[in-house]
């Protein structure tokens, strides 16, 4: 077995790591069996032991592999949950494209046979520059943030923060440090601010220290950050920023008329997407 040449500037251990990624993506290794030991990989590729160790270190840092003391190196398995972030109305149980996110998460977790739990808090803070711009405020103005820390089977899954103008939230249940019955959407509807549209911005970035500590991911595992700005006929209503660990979630968007299908299409999942080369 040989290591792909790659570019002249690519160190040998990085090319070895890339080939191991390929083998993982093709399903050559399974989660219930250890990967070949370093001496076997050294023999397979005809490289030095240190090259193998550095390549495996790369995949451990990416969250693809985990070393278990005295047992060997294994694929790190994180069940991936499809979250239908936005989509057309679908039979047989049509729902609004802007249905309450909590209801959507609960339904998806139940369908996947997983347990969803949420820790909730409310904060009054100064608006970040990007949040203020999206809400039409001056940077540093006071806003209300309602945060939900979601866990699936007690494993950190997402951090969701809904940002509101202080004037909109004042004197309403949005100021309470607890979830609102019917969701925040019910409060907004009662205020005459029913959301009718949204724009999503998706980016990938590395977690900060506090995020990395909460998600408990590998040092090389990025976050997928979905920033949704919702609107009614008067303008922006709120900004919802949701952060996901890229190795345990997949955002699904439906586009166009899907009436011929009964469910949103999902890619085949013989291999965890976090183990493929694409983020």
Protein backbone atom coordinates (compact mmCIF):
# COMPACT_ATOMS: atom_id res chain seq x y z
CA UNK A 1 0.00 0.00 0.00
CA UNK A 2 1.40 3.41 -0.94
CA UNK A 3 0.68 6.94 0.19
CA UNK A 4 -0.84 9.22 -2.52
CA UNK A 5 1.70 11.73 -3.78
CA UNK A 6 -0.39 14.86 -3.18
CA UNK A 7 1.51 18.11 -3.53
CA UNK A 8 5.24 18.48 -3.14
CA UNK A 9 4.65 20.70 -0.10
CA UNK A 10 2.48 18.14 1.69
CA UNK A 11 4.36 16.29 4.48
CA UNK A 12 4.25 12.50 4.36
CA UNK A 13 2.24 12.20 7.61
CA UNK A 14 -0.46 14.51 6.21
CA UNK A 15 -0.72 12.39 3.05
CA UNK A 16 -0.96 9.28 5.22
CA UNK A 17 -3.73 10.93 7.27
CA UNK A 18 -5.57 11.75 4.03
CA UNK A 19 -5.41 8.12 2.91
CA UNK A 20 -6.67 6.91 6.29
CA UNK A 21 -9.58 9.37 5.95
CA UNK A 22 -10.34 7.80 2.57
CA UNK A 23 -10.34 4.30 4.04
CA UNK A 24 -12.59 5.42 6.88
CA UNK A 25 -15.02 7.10 4.45
CA UNK A 26 -15.14 3.95 2.33
CA UNK A 27 -16.16 1.90 5.37
CA UNK A 28 -13.01 -0.21 5.58
CA UNK A 29 -12.89 0.19 9.36
CA UNK A 30 -15.79 -0.47 11.72
CA UNK A 31 -16.67 1.06 15.08
CA UNK A 32 -16.55 -2.26 16.95
CA UNK A 33 -13.00 -3.20 15.95
CA UNK A 34 -9.72 -1.41 16.60
CA UNK A 35 -7.78 0.06 13.70
CA UNK A 36 -4.54 -1.71 12.73
CA UNK A 37 -1.83 -1.08 15.31
CA UNK A 38 0.94 1.37 14.48
CA UNK A 39 3.39 -1.40 13.56
CA UNK A 40 0.88 -2.83 11.05
CA UNK A 41 0.23 0.61 9.47
CA UNK A 42 4.00 1.10 9.36
CA UNK A 43 4.30 -2.17 7.42
CA UNK A 44 1.33 -1.42 5.12
CA UNK A 45 2.62 1.99 4.06
CA UNK A 46 6.36 1.44 4.34
CA UNK A 47 6.89 4.47 6.54
CA UNK A 48 8.52 5.20 9.87
CA UNK A 49 6.63 4.69 13.13
CA UNK A 50 6.72 8.43 13.88
CA UNK A 51 5.00 9.17 10.54
CA UNK A 52 2.18 6.79 11.47
CA UNK A 53 1.88 8.29 14.95
CA UNK A 54 1.68 11.84 13.57
CA UNK A 55 -0.97 10.82 11.01
CA UNK A 56 -3.10 9.14 13.68
CA UNK A 57 -2.66 12.23 15.90
CA UNK A 58 -4.17 14.35 13.12
CA UNK A 59 -7.29 12.16 12.94
CA UNK A 60 -7.60 12.07 16.73
CA UNK A 61 -7.45 15.87 16.80
CA UNK A 62 -10.13 16.00 14.11
CA UNK A 63 -12.41 13.89 16.29
CA UNK A 64 -12.45 10.98 13.82
CA UNK A 65 -10.47 8.58 16.00
CA UNK A 66 -10.13 8.01 19.73
CA UNK A 67 -7.35 6.21 21.59
CA UNK A 68 -8.52 3.92 24.39
CA UNK A 69 -5.83 3.13 26.92
CA UNK A 70 -4.82 -0.52 26.69
CA UNK A 71 -7.38 -1.28 23.96
CA UNK A 72 -6.24 0.46 20.79
CA UNK A 73 -7.46 3.16 18.41
CA UNK A 74 -11.11 3.21 17.33
CA UNK A 75 -13.43 5.22 15.15
CA UNK A 76 -15.09 7.86 17.29
CA UNK A 77 -18.79 7.35 16.85
CA UNK A 78 -21.20 10.27 17.19
CA UNK A 79 -24.75 9.50 16.00
CA UNK A 80 -25.73 12.21 13.54
CA UNK A 81 -29.17 13.81 13.79
CA UNK A 82 -30.81 15.38 10.74
CA UNK A 83 -32.32 18.74 11.66
CA UNK A 84 -34.82 20.05 9.10
CA UNK A 85 -33.77 23.67 9.33
CA UNK A 86 -36.14 24.91 6.64
CA UNK A 87 -38.37 23.38 4.03
CA UNK A 88 -41.63 23.45 2.10
CA UNK A 89 -44.81 22.03 3.53
CA UNK A 90 -44.67 18.26 3.27
CA UNK A 91 -47.35 15.56 3.42
CA UNK A 92 -48.62 13.66 5.31
CA UNK A 93 -48.04 15.96 8.30
CA UNK A 94 -47.53 19.44 6.85
CA UNK A 95 -45.85 22.03 9.02
CA UNK A 96 -45.01 25.69 8.72
CA UNK A 97 -41.50 26.44 7.46
CA UNK A 98 -41.10 28.59 10.60
CA UNK A 99 -42.61 26.09 13.04
CA UNK A 100 -41.44 26.39 16.64
CA UNK A 101 -37.83 25.07 16.64
CA UNK A 102 -38.34 23.27 19.96
CA UNK A 103 -41.25 21.28 18.51
CA UNK A 104 -39.15 20.37 15.47
CA UNK A 105 -36.21 19.17 17.59
CA UNK A 106 -38.50 17.12 19.84
CA UNK A 107 -40.11 15.41 16.86
CA UNK A 108 -36.79 14.65 15.19
CA UNK A 109 -35.28 13.25 18.38
CA UNK A 110 -38.34 11.06 19.00
CA UNK A 111 -38.24 9.76 15.41
CA UNK A 112 -34.56 8.87 15.83
CA UNK A 113 -35.27 7.13 19.14
CA UNK A 114 -33.15 9.58 21.10
CA UNK A 115 -33.80 11.57 24.26
CA UNK A 116 -33.73 15.37 23.98
CA UNK A 117 -33.22 17.52 27.07
CA UNK A 118 -32.76 21.28 27.34
CA UNK A 119 -31.22 23.67 29.85
CA UNK A 120 -32.69 27.17 29.58
CA UNK A 121 -31.60 30.65 30.66
CA UNK A 122 -32.41 34.30 29.95
CA UNK A 123 -29.82 37.10 29.85
CA UNK A 124 -29.81 40.86 29.36
CA UNK A 125 -26.66 41.83 27.49
CA UNK A 126 -25.13 44.40 25.16
CA UNK A 127 -25.68 43.56 21.50
CA UNK A 128 -22.73 42.36 19.46
CA UNK A 129 -22.04 44.38 16.33
CA UNK A 130 -23.41 41.70 13.96
CA UNK A 131 -26.56 41.09 16.03
CA UNK A 132 -27.24 44.82 16.36
CA UNK A 133 -26.88 45.30 12.61
CA UNK A 134 -29.37 42.52 11.87
CA UNK A 135 -31.90 43.88 14.36
CA UNK A 136 -31.47 47.48 13.18
CA UNK A 137 -29.90 48.62 16.47
CA UNK A 138 -26.77 50.48 17.44
CA UNK A 139 -23.89 48.25 18.63
CA UNK A 140 -23.92 47.96 22.41
CA UNK A 141 -27.65 48.56 22.83
CA UNK A 142 -29.35 46.39 25.42
CA UNK A 143 -30.99 43.22 24.13
CA UNK A 144 -32.65 40.15 25.65
CA UNK A 145 -31.09 36.76 24.91
CA UNK A 146 -32.93 33.49 25.53
CA UNK A 147 -30.49 30.58 25.47
CA UNK A 148 -31.20 26.86 25.13
CA UNK A 149 -28.49 24.24 25.66
CA UNK A 150 -29.74 21.07 23.97
CA UNK A 151 -28.48 17.58 24.73
CA UNK A 152 -29.22 14.31 22.93
CA UNK A 153 -28.89 11.25 25.12
CA UNK A 154 -27.08 13.58 27.55
CA UNK A 155 -24.43 14.45 24.92
CA UNK A 156 -24.09 18.16 24.00
CA UNK A 157 -25.85 18.81 20.71
CA UNK A 158 -26.51 22.52 20.14
CA UNK A 159 -26.46 25.97 21.68
CA UNK A 160 -29.34 28.17 20.54
CA UNK A 161 -29.60 31.88 21.38
CA UNK A 162 -32.57 34.03 20.39
CA UNK A 163 -31.84 37.76 20.43
CA UNK A 164 -34.65 40.30 20.95
CA UNK A 165 -34.85 44.06 21.15
CA UNK A 166 -35.28 45.03 24.79
CA UNK A 167 -38.32 47.13 23.90
CA UNK A 168 -40.03 44.17 22.23
CA UNK A 169 -39.40 41.77 25.12
CA UNK A 170 -40.13 44.21 27.97
CA UNK A 171 -43.19 43.30 30.02
CA UNK A 172 -43.71 39.97 28.23
CA UNK A 173 -42.97 36.33 29.11
CA UNK A 174 -39.80 36.69 27.02
CA UNK A 175 -38.26 38.28 30.12
CA UNK A 176 -38.92 35.17 32.21
CA UNK A 177 -35.98 32.82 32.91
CA UNK A 178 -38.02 29.81 31.80
CA UNK A 179 -39.39 28.34 28.57
CA UNK A 180 -42.67 29.85 27.39
CA UNK A 181 -45.68 27.60 26.90
CA UNK A 182 -46.28 27.35 23.17
CA UNK A 183 -42.78 28.68 22.50
CA UNK A 184 -41.53 32.21 21.97
CA UNK A 185 -43.50 32.20 18.72
CA UNK A 186 -46.74 32.30 20.72
CA UNK A 187 -45.59 35.42 22.57
CA UNK A 188 -44.57 37.10 19.32
CA UNK A 189 -47.93 36.26 17.72
CA UNK A 190 -49.75 37.77 20.73
CA UNK A 191 -47.69 40.93 20.23
CA UNK A 192 -48.70 41.08 16.57
CA UNK A 193 -45.19 40.11 15.40
CA UNK A 194 -45.89 36.78 13.69
CA UNK A 195 -42.82 35.68 11.75
CA UNK A 196 -43.54 35.14 8.06
CA UNK A 197 -40.05 34.77 6.59
CA UNK A 198 -36.43 34.21 7.46
CA UNK A 199 -32.91 34.42 6.05
CA UNK A 200 -30.28 31.92 7.16
CA UNK A 201 -26.52 32.49 7.19
CA UNK A 202 -24.38 29.34 7.56
CA UNK A 203 -20.69 29.40 8.47
CA UNK A 204 -18.20 26.93 9.88
CA UNK A 205 -15.64 28.01 12.45
CA UNK A 206 -13.55 26.59 15.23
CA UNK A 207 -15.07 26.75 18.73
CA UNK A 208 -13.87 29.17 21.37
CA UNK A 209 -12.55 27.80 24.68
CA UNK A 210 -15.95 27.84 26.42
CA UNK A 211 -17.69 26.28 23.43
CA UNK A 212 -15.05 23.56 23.14
CA UNK A 213 -15.42 22.77 26.83
CA UNK A 214 -19.21 22.48 26.55
CA UNK A 215 -19.35 20.46 23.33
CA UNK A 216 -16.52 18.15 24.48
CA UNK A 217 -15.40 17.66 20.89
CA UNK A 218 -11.97 16.92 19.52
CA UNK A 219 -9.61 19.90 19.19
CA UNK A 220 -9.99 19.84 15.39
CA UNK A 221 -13.80 19.55 15.24
CA UNK A 222 -15.45 22.77 13.93
CA UNK A 223 -18.84 24.21 14.71
CA UNK A 224 -21.60 24.78 12.16
CA UNK A 225 -23.19 28.13 13.02
CA UNK A 226 -26.68 28.87 11.68
CA UNK A 227 -27.75 32.50 12.10
CA UNK A 228 -31.42 33.01 11.26
CA UNK A 229 -32.96 36.47 10.99
CA UNK A 230 -36.77 36.30 11.08
CA UNK A 231 -39.12 38.95 9.69
CA UNK A 232 -42.72 40.05 9.78
CA UNK A 233 -44.21 42.74 7.54
CA UNK A 234 -42.71 45.47 9.75
CA UNK A 235 -39.11 44.28 9.63
CA UNK A 236 -36.73 42.04 11.59
CA UNK A 237 -38.21 40.32 14.64
CA UNK A 238 -35.34 38.36 16.16
CA UNK A 239 -31.96 36.79 15.45
CA UNK A 240 -31.58 33.09 16.30
CA UNK A 241 -27.99 31.87 16.41
CA UNK A 242 -27.59 28.10 16.73
CA UNK A 243 -24.22 26.38 17.05
CA UNK A 244 -23.81 22.67 16.31
CA UNK A 245 -20.83 20.38 16.64
CA UNK A 246 -20.07 19.38 13.05
CA UNK A 247 -19.54 15.71 13.91
CA UNK A 248 -23.03 15.09 15.31
CA UNK A 249 -25.49 17.14 13.28
CA UNK A 250 -26.59 17.70 9.70
CA UNK A 251 -28.84 20.56 8.60
CA UNK A 252 -31.41 19.64 5.95
CA UNK A 253 -33.02 22.26 3.69
CA UNK A 254 -35.94 21.48 1.41
CA UNK A 255 -36.16 23.52 -1.80
CA UNK A 256 -39.02 23.79 -4.24
CA UNK A 257 -42.10 21.58 -4.58
CA UNK A 258 -41.57 18.29 -2.77
CA UNK A 259 -45.18 17.14 -2.91
CA UNK A 260 -44.14 13.93 -4.72
CA UNK A 261 -42.15 12.87 -1.67
CA UNK A 262 -43.41 11.97 1.79
CA UNK A 263 -40.18 12.90 3.56
CA UNK A 264 -37.27 15.19 2.96
CA UNK A 265 -34.54 13.32 1.09
CA UNK A 266 -31.55 12.34 3.20
CA UNK A 267 -28.22 11.01 1.97
CA UNK A 268 -27.28 7.42 2.70
CA UNK A 269 -25.49 7.13 6.02
CA UNK A 270 -23.29 4.04 6.10
CA UNK A 271 -20.50 6.32 7.28
CA UNK A 272 -20.72 9.23 9.74
CA UNK A 273 -20.43 12.44 7.66
CA UNK A 274 -17.95 13.79 10.20
CA UNK A 275 -15.58 11.11 8.94
CA UNK A 276 -15.77 12.23 5.32
CA UNK A 277 -13.43 14.90 3.99
CA UNK A 278 -16.16 17.52 3.56
CA UNK A 279 -17.13 19.45 6.72
